[in-house]
Amino acid sequence: MLTNTTVFGIIVTEVKIMEFMTTKEAVEKWNISERRIRQLLQDGRIEGAVKVGNSWNIPVDADKPVDKRIIKPDDNKFIIDLGDNYFDEVDSLKKELDSKRPIPKETLKSLKESINLEWTYNSNGIEGNTLTLRETQVVLEGITVGGKSIKEHLEAINHEKAILYLDDLVKDKNPITEWNIKNIHQLILKDIDNENAGRYRKENVTIKGATHIPPDYLKLPELMEKLILNYNTWNEYHPIIKAALLHGELVKIHPFVDGNGRTSRLLMNLDLMNSGYNPVIIKKESRLKYYEALDKAHTTGNYTDFVKLVTKLEVEMLKKYLELL
C-alpha cells in the first residue's frame, strides 16, 4: 500500500508492506477446513483477501469469519404506526408510471442525469461536503473547482460511480449481500481512505449529535451477518418499509469508520430500485429531520417518522417522472 506524505513541499511515498498467509496457514490458525475457507473466499467473506492466479493471499490480521450457518435472524420488533391505506398514493403513482413504460430513451437519460446529480450533491452535502449543485455538476464533467479540496472532488466523483454500480446490480438482478455493501463502501472511499475502504471498522465510534451509540467493533461480523438474514425476513413489509429498515439498521450498526450514511442511502435506493420503485433523494436541507427520525428509530425501535419521510420522497420522485411523460 502506498501513502503519500508531503515534507517541505516534497511528496514522499511510504510503502506499507502487508503480510499475508496461505489458505493452509488459515486452516491451522482458525481451525476451519480448507474446503470451508475456500468457500468463504469465493463468497467474499474474508476481508482483504486477494486472489493471485489460482491461489489466495489472506491478510494475517484478518478476522476469523463468523459461521452464518449457526446464526439465526432476530425476531425484530419494530414500531411502524401507519394507517391501513397509507401507501395507496405512492402505489397508485407507481402503477401509473409503470403503465407508461418503456420511458423514451432520451427522456430517461435526461431524468437519470438530473437525479444522479441531485442525489450526489445532497448525499455528500449531508455529510459536510461544501460543493454547490453547480460545482458538483462541473466536477462530474471533469473540471476542477478552485478553492475546493481534493477530498470534496473525490466524494462527488466516487458517489456517481457508486450510483452507476447500483445500476449494474439492478440490471443483473444481484441480491443485497455483505459483499455488495462492502463494494459500495469501497467506491465511496476510493482514494480518500483506501485503508478503510470496503472494510469494517477496527475501532469503536460515536455518532455526532445522536443518542444511539454504535455497537463494539468486535461484534460487527456477527451483526452484519444478522442484518442480511433479518433483511431476508422482511418480505411481509411494504417495499418502502423494507428499504427504510435496511438503511436504518445499517446506520445503527455503523460498520465503517466513515461513509456509513452515504452507503446506507445508496443501499436503501438499491433496494427500492430492485422492487421497481425510484431512488429517493434526502435533501441536504432536511438533514436535521432525517437525523432525528433515525435516532428515534435506533433508540426506541419506532421507524414511523423515517418511513413517512422516505414515502414522501418517493411520492415526489414519482411525480417528477410523471410530469415529464
Protein backbone atom coordinates (compact mmCIF):
# COMPACT_ATOMS: atom_id res chain seq x y z
CA MET A 1 0.00 0.00 0.00
CA LEU A 2 1.34 3.43 -0.96
CA THR A 3 0.83 6.52 1.21
CA ASN A 4 1.85 9.98 0.05
CA THR A 5 3.19 12.46 2.62
CA THR A 6 4.35 15.99 1.88
CA VAL A 7 7.58 17.02 3.60
CA PHE A 8 8.91 20.54 2.90
CA GLY A 9 6.96 20.63 -0.34
CA ILE A 10 8.30 17.27 -1.49
CA ILE A 11 5.93 14.32 -1.89
CA VAL A 12 7.37 11.29 -0.12
CA THR A 13 5.83 7.90 -0.86
CA GLU A 14 5.74 5.46 2.03
CA VAL A 15 5.29 1.78 1.32
CA LYS A 16 3.32 -0.23 3.86
CA ILE A 17 4.02 -3.92 3.45
CA MET A 18 1.02 -6.13 4.17
CA GLU A 19 1.62 -9.63 5.50
CA PHE A 20 -0.42 -12.50 4.07
CA MET A 21 -1.00 -16.14 4.86
CA THR A 22 -1.99 -19.04 2.64
CA THR A 23 -5.25 -20.96 2.90
CA LYS A 24 -3.38 -23.81 4.61
CA GLU A 25 -1.98 -21.41 7.22
CA ALA A 26 -5.50 -20.05 7.75
CA VAL A 27 -6.71 -23.63 8.32
CA GLU A 28 -4.26 -24.01 11.20
CA LYS A 29 -4.87 -20.54 12.63
CA TRP A 30 -8.70 -20.64 12.57
CA ASN A 31 -9.26 -24.41 12.88
CA ILE A 32 -11.56 -24.42 9.83
CA SER A 33 -11.41 -26.92 6.97
CA GLU A 34 -9.65 -25.80 3.81
CA ARG A 35 -12.79 -26.50 1.81
CA ARG A 36 -14.78 -24.17 4.09
CA ILE A 37 -12.15 -21.41 3.81
CA ARG A 38 -12.17 -21.62 0.03
CA GLN A 39 -15.96 -21.28 0.06
CA LEU A 40 -15.70 -18.24 2.34
CA LEU A 41 -13.15 -16.74 -0.03
CA GLN A 42 -15.42 -17.28 -3.02
CA ASP A 43 -18.27 -15.61 -1.10
CA GLY A 44 -16.09 -12.58 -0.35
CA ARG A 45 -16.41 -13.05 3.40
CA ILE A 46 -12.73 -12.75 4.32
CA GLU A 47 -11.74 -9.08 4.34
CA GLY A 48 -8.69 -8.07 2.36
CA ALA A 49 -8.18 -11.47 0.70
CA VAL A 50 -6.65 -11.21 -2.77
CA LYS A 51 -6.66 -13.88 -5.45
CA VAL A 52 -3.37 -14.29 -7.30
CA GLY A 53 -3.68 -16.81 -10.10
CA ASN A 54 -5.26 -19.88 -8.55
CA SER A 55 -4.08 -19.06 -5.01
CA TRP A 56 -5.40 -16.75 -2.31
CA ASN A 57 -3.44 -14.35 -0.13
CA ILE A 58 -5.20 -13.76 3.18
CA PRO A 59 -4.15 -10.87 5.48
CA VAL A 60 -2.57 -12.28 8.62
CA ASP A 61 -4.68 -9.91 10.75
CA ALA A 62 -7.98 -10.84 9.07
CA ASP A 63 -10.75 -11.79 11.49
CA LYS A 64 -11.99 -15.35 11.57
CA PRO A 65 -15.32 -15.31 9.69
CA VAL A 66 -18.40 -15.91 11.78
CA ASP A 67 -20.16 -19.09 10.69
CA LYS A 68 -23.53 -17.83 9.44
CA ARG A 69 -24.81 -21.40 9.48
CA ILE A 70 -25.19 -21.12 13.26
CA ILE A 71 -26.51 -17.54 13.27
CA LYS A 72 -30.26 -17.12 13.20
CA PRO A 73 -32.20 -13.98 12.31
CA ASP A 74 -33.53 -11.87 15.16
CA ASP A 75 -37.21 -11.59 15.90
CA ASN A 76 -37.21 -7.89 15.02
CA LYS A 77 -39.94 -5.89 16.71
CA PHE A 78 -40.20 -2.53 15.02
CA ILE A 79 -42.85 0.09 15.70
CA ILE A 80 -44.37 1.36 12.44
CA ASP A 81 -47.61 3.20 13.15
CA LEU A 82 -49.25 3.80 9.77
CA GLY A 83 -52.85 3.58 8.59
CA ASP A 84 -54.08 0.64 6.52
CA ASN A 85 -54.21 2.73 3.34
CA TYR A 86 -51.05 4.71 3.95
CA PHE A 87 -49.28 3.54 0.77
CA ASP A 88 -52.27 3.97 -1.56
CA GLU A 89 -50.98 7.21 -3.09
CA VAL A 90 -47.44 6.03 -3.71
CA ASP A 91 -48.61 2.69 -5.12
CA SER A 92 -51.16 4.42 -7.37
CA LEU A 93 -48.47 6.74 -8.74
CA LYS A 94 -46.13 3.78 -9.30
CA LYS A 95 -48.87 1.93 -11.17
CA GLU A 96 -49.45 5.00 -13.36
CA LEU A 97 -45.74 5.33 -14.12
CA ASP A 98 -45.43 1.61 -14.88
CA SER A 99 -48.27 1.96 -17.41
CA LYS A 100 -46.19 4.49 -19.32
CA ARG A 101 -43.12 2.29 -19.61
CA PRO A 102 -40.92 1.95 -21.50
CA ILE A 103 -39.90 5.55 -20.95
CA PRO A 104 -38.45 7.20 -24.10
CA LYS A 105 -34.68 6.70 -24.14
CA GLU A 106 -33.68 10.39 -24.23
CA THR A 107 -36.24 11.33 -21.56
CA LEU A 108 -34.95 8.57 -19.28
CA LYS A 109 -31.33 9.61 -19.88
CA SER A 110 -32.13 13.24 -19.02
CA LEU A 111 -34.03 12.21 -15.88
CA LYS A 112 -31.27 9.92 -14.63
CA GLU A 113 -28.58 12.56 -15.17
CA SER A 114 -30.61 15.12 -13.24
CA ILE A 115 -31.43 12.69 -10.43
CA ASN A 116 -27.87 11.38 -10.12
CA LEU A 117 -26.55 14.94 -9.85
CA GLU A 118 -29.06 15.96 -7.15
CA TRP A 119 -28.54 12.65 -5.34
CA THR A 120 -24.76 13.10 -5.28
CA TYR A 121 -24.95 16.76 -4.25
CA ASN A 122 -27.42 16.19 -1.41
CA SER A 123 -25.96 12.95 -0.05
CA ASN A 124 -22.47 14.45 0.14
CA GLY A 125 -23.87 17.73 1.43
CA ILE A 126 -25.49 15.95 4.36
CA GLU A 127 -22.00 14.77 5.34
CA GLY A 128 -20.46 18.24 5.13
CA ASN A 129 -19.28 18.49 1.51
CA THR A 130 -19.36 22.21 0.55
CA LEU A 131 -19.66 21.85 -3.24
CA THR A 132 -22.74 23.61 -4.59
CA LEU A 133 -25.08 21.84 -7.01
CA ARG A 134 -23.48 23.65 -9.94
CA GLU A 135 -19.96 22.91 -8.68
CA THR A 136 -20.86 19.25 -8.25
CA GLN A 137 -22.04 19.17 -11.87
CA VAL A 138 -18.81 20.77 -13.05
CA VAL A 139 -16.71 18.27 -11.08
CA LEU A 140 -18.65 15.35 -12.57
CA GLU A 141 -17.89 16.80 -16.01
CA GLY A 142 -14.19 16.51 -15.22
CA ILE A 143 -13.41 20.12 -14.30
CA THR A 144 -11.61 21.16 -11.11
CA VAL A 145 -13.27 23.78 -8.91
CA GLY A 146 -10.87 26.28 -7.38
CA GLY A 147 -10.89 26.65 -3.62
CA LYS A 148 -12.33 23.19 -3.01
CA SER A 149 -10.38 20.28 -1.55
CA ILE A 150 -9.34 17.17 -3.44
CA LYS A 151 -11.40 15.17 -0.96
CA GLU A 152 -14.57 17.05 -1.90
CA HIS A 153 -13.88 16.45 -5.59
CA LEU A 154 -13.34 12.74 -4.97
CA GLU A 155 -16.52 12.48 -2.90
CA ALA A 156 -18.55 13.71 -5.87
CA ILE A 157 -16.78 11.51 -8.42
CA ASN A 158 -16.92 8.43 -6.19
CA HIS A 159 -20.60 8.85 -5.40
CA GLU A 160 -21.55 8.98 -9.06
CA LYS A 161 -19.50 5.82 -9.69
CA ALA A 162 -21.33 4.14 -6.82
CA ILE A 163 -24.69 5.05 -8.40
CA LEU A 164 -23.56 3.52 -11.70
CA TYR A 165 -22.56 0.41 -9.76
CA LEU A 166 -26.11 0.22 -8.36
CA ASP A 167 -27.49 0.42 -11.89
CA ASP A 168 -25.39 -2.62 -12.82
CA LEU A 169 -26.57 -4.53 -9.74
CA VAL A 170 -30.21 -3.80 -10.57
CA LYS A 171 -29.72 -4.73 -14.22
CA ASP A 172 -28.11 -8.05 -13.29
CA LYS A 173 -30.69 -8.66 -10.51
CA ASN A 174 -27.97 -9.10 -7.90
CA PRO A 175 -29.25 -9.67 -4.35
CA ILE A 176 -28.20 -7.47 -1.46
CA THR A 177 -25.24 -9.09 0.28
CA GLU A 178 -22.38 -8.11 2.57
CA TRP A 179 -20.13 -8.31 -0.47
CA ASN A 180 -22.15 -5.69 -2.34
CA ILE A 181 -22.38 -3.46 0.73
CA LYS A 182 -18.59 -3.52 1.04
CA ASN A 183 -18.20 -2.82 -2.68
CA ILE A 184 -20.47 0.22 -2.42
CA HIS A 185 -18.45 1.49 0.53
CA GLN A 186 -15.18 0.81 -1.26
CA LEU A 187 -16.32 3.03 -4.13
CA ILE A 188 -17.36 5.80 -1.72
CA LEU A 189 -13.93 5.99 -0.03
CA LYS A 190 -11.77 5.15 -3.06
CA ASP A 191 -8.57 7.26 -2.99
CA ILE A 192 -9.90 9.11 0.07
CA ASP A 193 -9.18 6.39 2.63
CA ASN A 194 -8.05 3.25 0.82
CA GLU A 195 -7.00 1.60 4.07
CA ASN A 196 -10.59 1.56 5.35
CA ALA A 197 -12.49 1.44 2.04
CA GLY A 198 -14.69 -1.65 1.95
CA ARG A 199 -13.52 -2.81 5.37
CA TYR A 200 -15.40 -3.00 8.65
CA ARG A 201 -14.04 -0.69 11.33
CA LYS A 202 -11.46 -1.93 13.84
CA GLU A 203 -12.32 0.62 16.49
CA ASN A 204 -15.31 1.94 18.39
CA VAL A 205 -17.04 5.11 17.23
CA THR A 206 -19.81 7.53 18.21
CA ILE A 207 -22.33 9.35 16.03
CA LYS A 208 -22.09 13.10 16.46
CA GLY A 209 -25.30 14.55 17.87
CA ALA A 210 -27.01 11.17 18.25
CA THR A 211 -28.20 9.42 21.43
CA HIS A 212 -27.56 5.97 19.96
CA ILE A 213 -24.07 4.52 20.45
CA PRO A 214 -22.96 2.04 17.73
CA PRO A 215 -22.00 -1.48 18.87
CA ASP A 216 -18.49 -2.61 19.73
CA TYR A 217 -16.44 -3.31 16.61
CA LEU A 218 -15.79 -6.88 17.75
CA LYS A 219 -19.49 -7.63 17.22
CA LEU A 220 -19.59 -6.34 13.63
CA PRO A 221 -19.09 -9.62 11.73
CA GLU A 222 -22.00 -11.28 13.53
CA LEU A 223 -24.22 -8.18 13.38
CA MET A 224 -23.69 -7.78 9.64
CA GLU A 225 -24.47 -11.45 9.11
CA LYS A 226 -27.68 -10.97 11.09
CA LEU A 227 -28.58 -7.83 9.16
CA ILE A 228 -28.69 -9.75 5.88
CA LEU A 229 -30.57 -12.64 7.48
CA ASN A 230 -33.07 -10.23 9.04
CA TYR A 231 -33.46 -8.30 5.78
CA ASN A 232 -34.45 -11.51 4.02
CA THR A 233 -37.30 -12.00 6.54
CA TRP A 234 -38.82 -8.54 5.94
CA ASN A 235 -40.77 -9.50 2.79
CA GLU A 236 -44.04 -9.12 4.73
CA TYR A 237 -43.43 -5.37 4.79
CA HIS A 238 -44.24 -2.89 2.04
CA PRO A 239 -41.12 -2.39 -0.16
CA ILE A 240 -40.68 1.18 1.14
CA ILE A 241 -40.69 -0.03 4.75
CA LYS A 242 -38.22 -2.77 3.90
CA ALA A 243 -35.84 -0.34 2.21
CA ALA A 244 -36.12 2.16 5.08
CA LEU A 245 -35.39 -0.57 7.64
CA LEU A 246 -32.33 -1.67 5.67
CA HIS A 247 -30.98 1.89 5.69
CA GLY A 248 -31.77 2.45 9.36
CA GLU A 249 -30.41 -0.84 10.65
CA LEU A 250 -27.16 -0.48 8.70
CA VAL A 251 -26.57 3.00 10.11
CA LYS A 252 -27.42 1.66 13.56
CA ILE A 253 -24.64 -0.92 13.25
CA HIS A 254 -22.32 1.74 11.76
CA PRO A 255 -19.94 -0.89 10.36
CA PHE A 256 -17.45 1.54 8.79
CA VAL A 257 -15.16 4.22 10.17
CA ASP A 258 -16.58 6.72 7.68
CA GLY A 259 -19.10 6.74 4.83
CA ASN A 260 -21.91 4.93 6.68
CA GLY A 261 -24.55 7.50 5.77
CA ARG A 262 -23.76 7.63 2.07
CA THR A 263 -23.50 3.83 1.90
CA SER A 264 -26.83 3.39 3.71
CA ARG A 265 -28.64 5.85 1.44
CA LEU A 266 -27.24 4.10 -1.62
CA LEU A 267 -28.25 0.71 -0.22
CA MET A 268 -31.79 1.91 0.52
CA ASN A 269 -32.14 3.14 -3.04
CA LEU A 270 -30.73 -0.11 -4.40
CA ASP A 271 -33.47 -1.96 -2.55
CA LEU A 272 -36.14 0.46 -3.80
CA MET A 273 -34.95 0.04 -7.39
CA ASN A 274 -34.85 -3.74 -7.02
CA SER A 275 -38.53 -3.50 -6.02
CA GLY A 276 -39.43 -1.38 -9.04
CA TYR A 277 -39.54 1.95 -7.21
CA ASN A 278 -37.43 5.04 -7.88
CA PRO A 279 -34.42 6.15 -5.86
CA VAL A 280 -35.24 8.88 -3.36
CA ILE A 281 -33.18 11.95 -2.54
CA ILE A 282 -32.92 13.06 1.09
CA LYS A 283 -32.32 16.79 0.81
CA LYS A 284 -29.39 18.47 2.48
CA GLU A 285 -31.84 20.97 3.97
CA SER A 286 -33.78 18.12 5.64
CA ARG A 287 -30.70 16.81 7.44
CA LEU A 288 -31.95 17.59 10.98
CA LYS A 289 -35.35 15.95 10.43
CA TYR A 290 -33.61 12.97 8.82
CA TYR A 291 -31.15 12.54 11.71
CA GLU A 292 -33.89 12.90 14.33
CA ALA A 293 -36.03 10.23 12.64
CA LEU A 294 -33.07 7.83 12.54
CA ASP A 295 -32.05 8.45 16.14
CA LYS A 296 -35.64 7.85 17.27
CA ALA A 297 -35.67 4.56 15.35
CA HIS A 298 -32.34 3.47 16.82
CA THR A 299 -33.21 4.26 20.43
CA THR A 300 -36.89 3.22 20.52
CA GLY A 301 -37.38 0.90 17.54
CA ASN A 302 -40.01 3.32 16.21
CA TYR A 303 -39.47 3.71 12.47
CA THR A 304 -42.73 5.58 11.79
CA ASP A 305 -41.17 9.00 11.18
CA PHE A 306 -38.41 7.63 8.98
CA VAL A 307 -40.79 5.54 6.85
CA LYS A 308 -43.03 8.58 6.40
CA LEU A 309 -40.03 10.63 5.27
CA VAL A 310 -38.97 8.02 2.70
CA THR A 311 -42.55 7.60 1.44
CA LYS A 312 -42.95 11.37 0.96
CA LEU A 313 -39.72 11.48 -1.04
CA GLU A 314 -40.81 8.53 -3.19
CA VAL A 315 -44.08 10.31 -3.99
CA GLU A 316 -42.10 13.40 -5.02
CA MET A 317 -39.85 11.33 -7.27
CA LEU A 318 -42.74 9.50 -8.95
CA LYS A 319 -44.47 12.82 -9.65
CA LYS A 320 -41.23 14.18 -11.12
CA TYR A 321 -41.13 11.28 -13.59
CA LEU A 322 -44.81 11.61 -14.47
CA GLU A 323 -44.55 15.35 -15.13
CA LEU A 324 -42.13 14.66 -17.98
CA LEU A 325 -44.19 11.90 -19.62
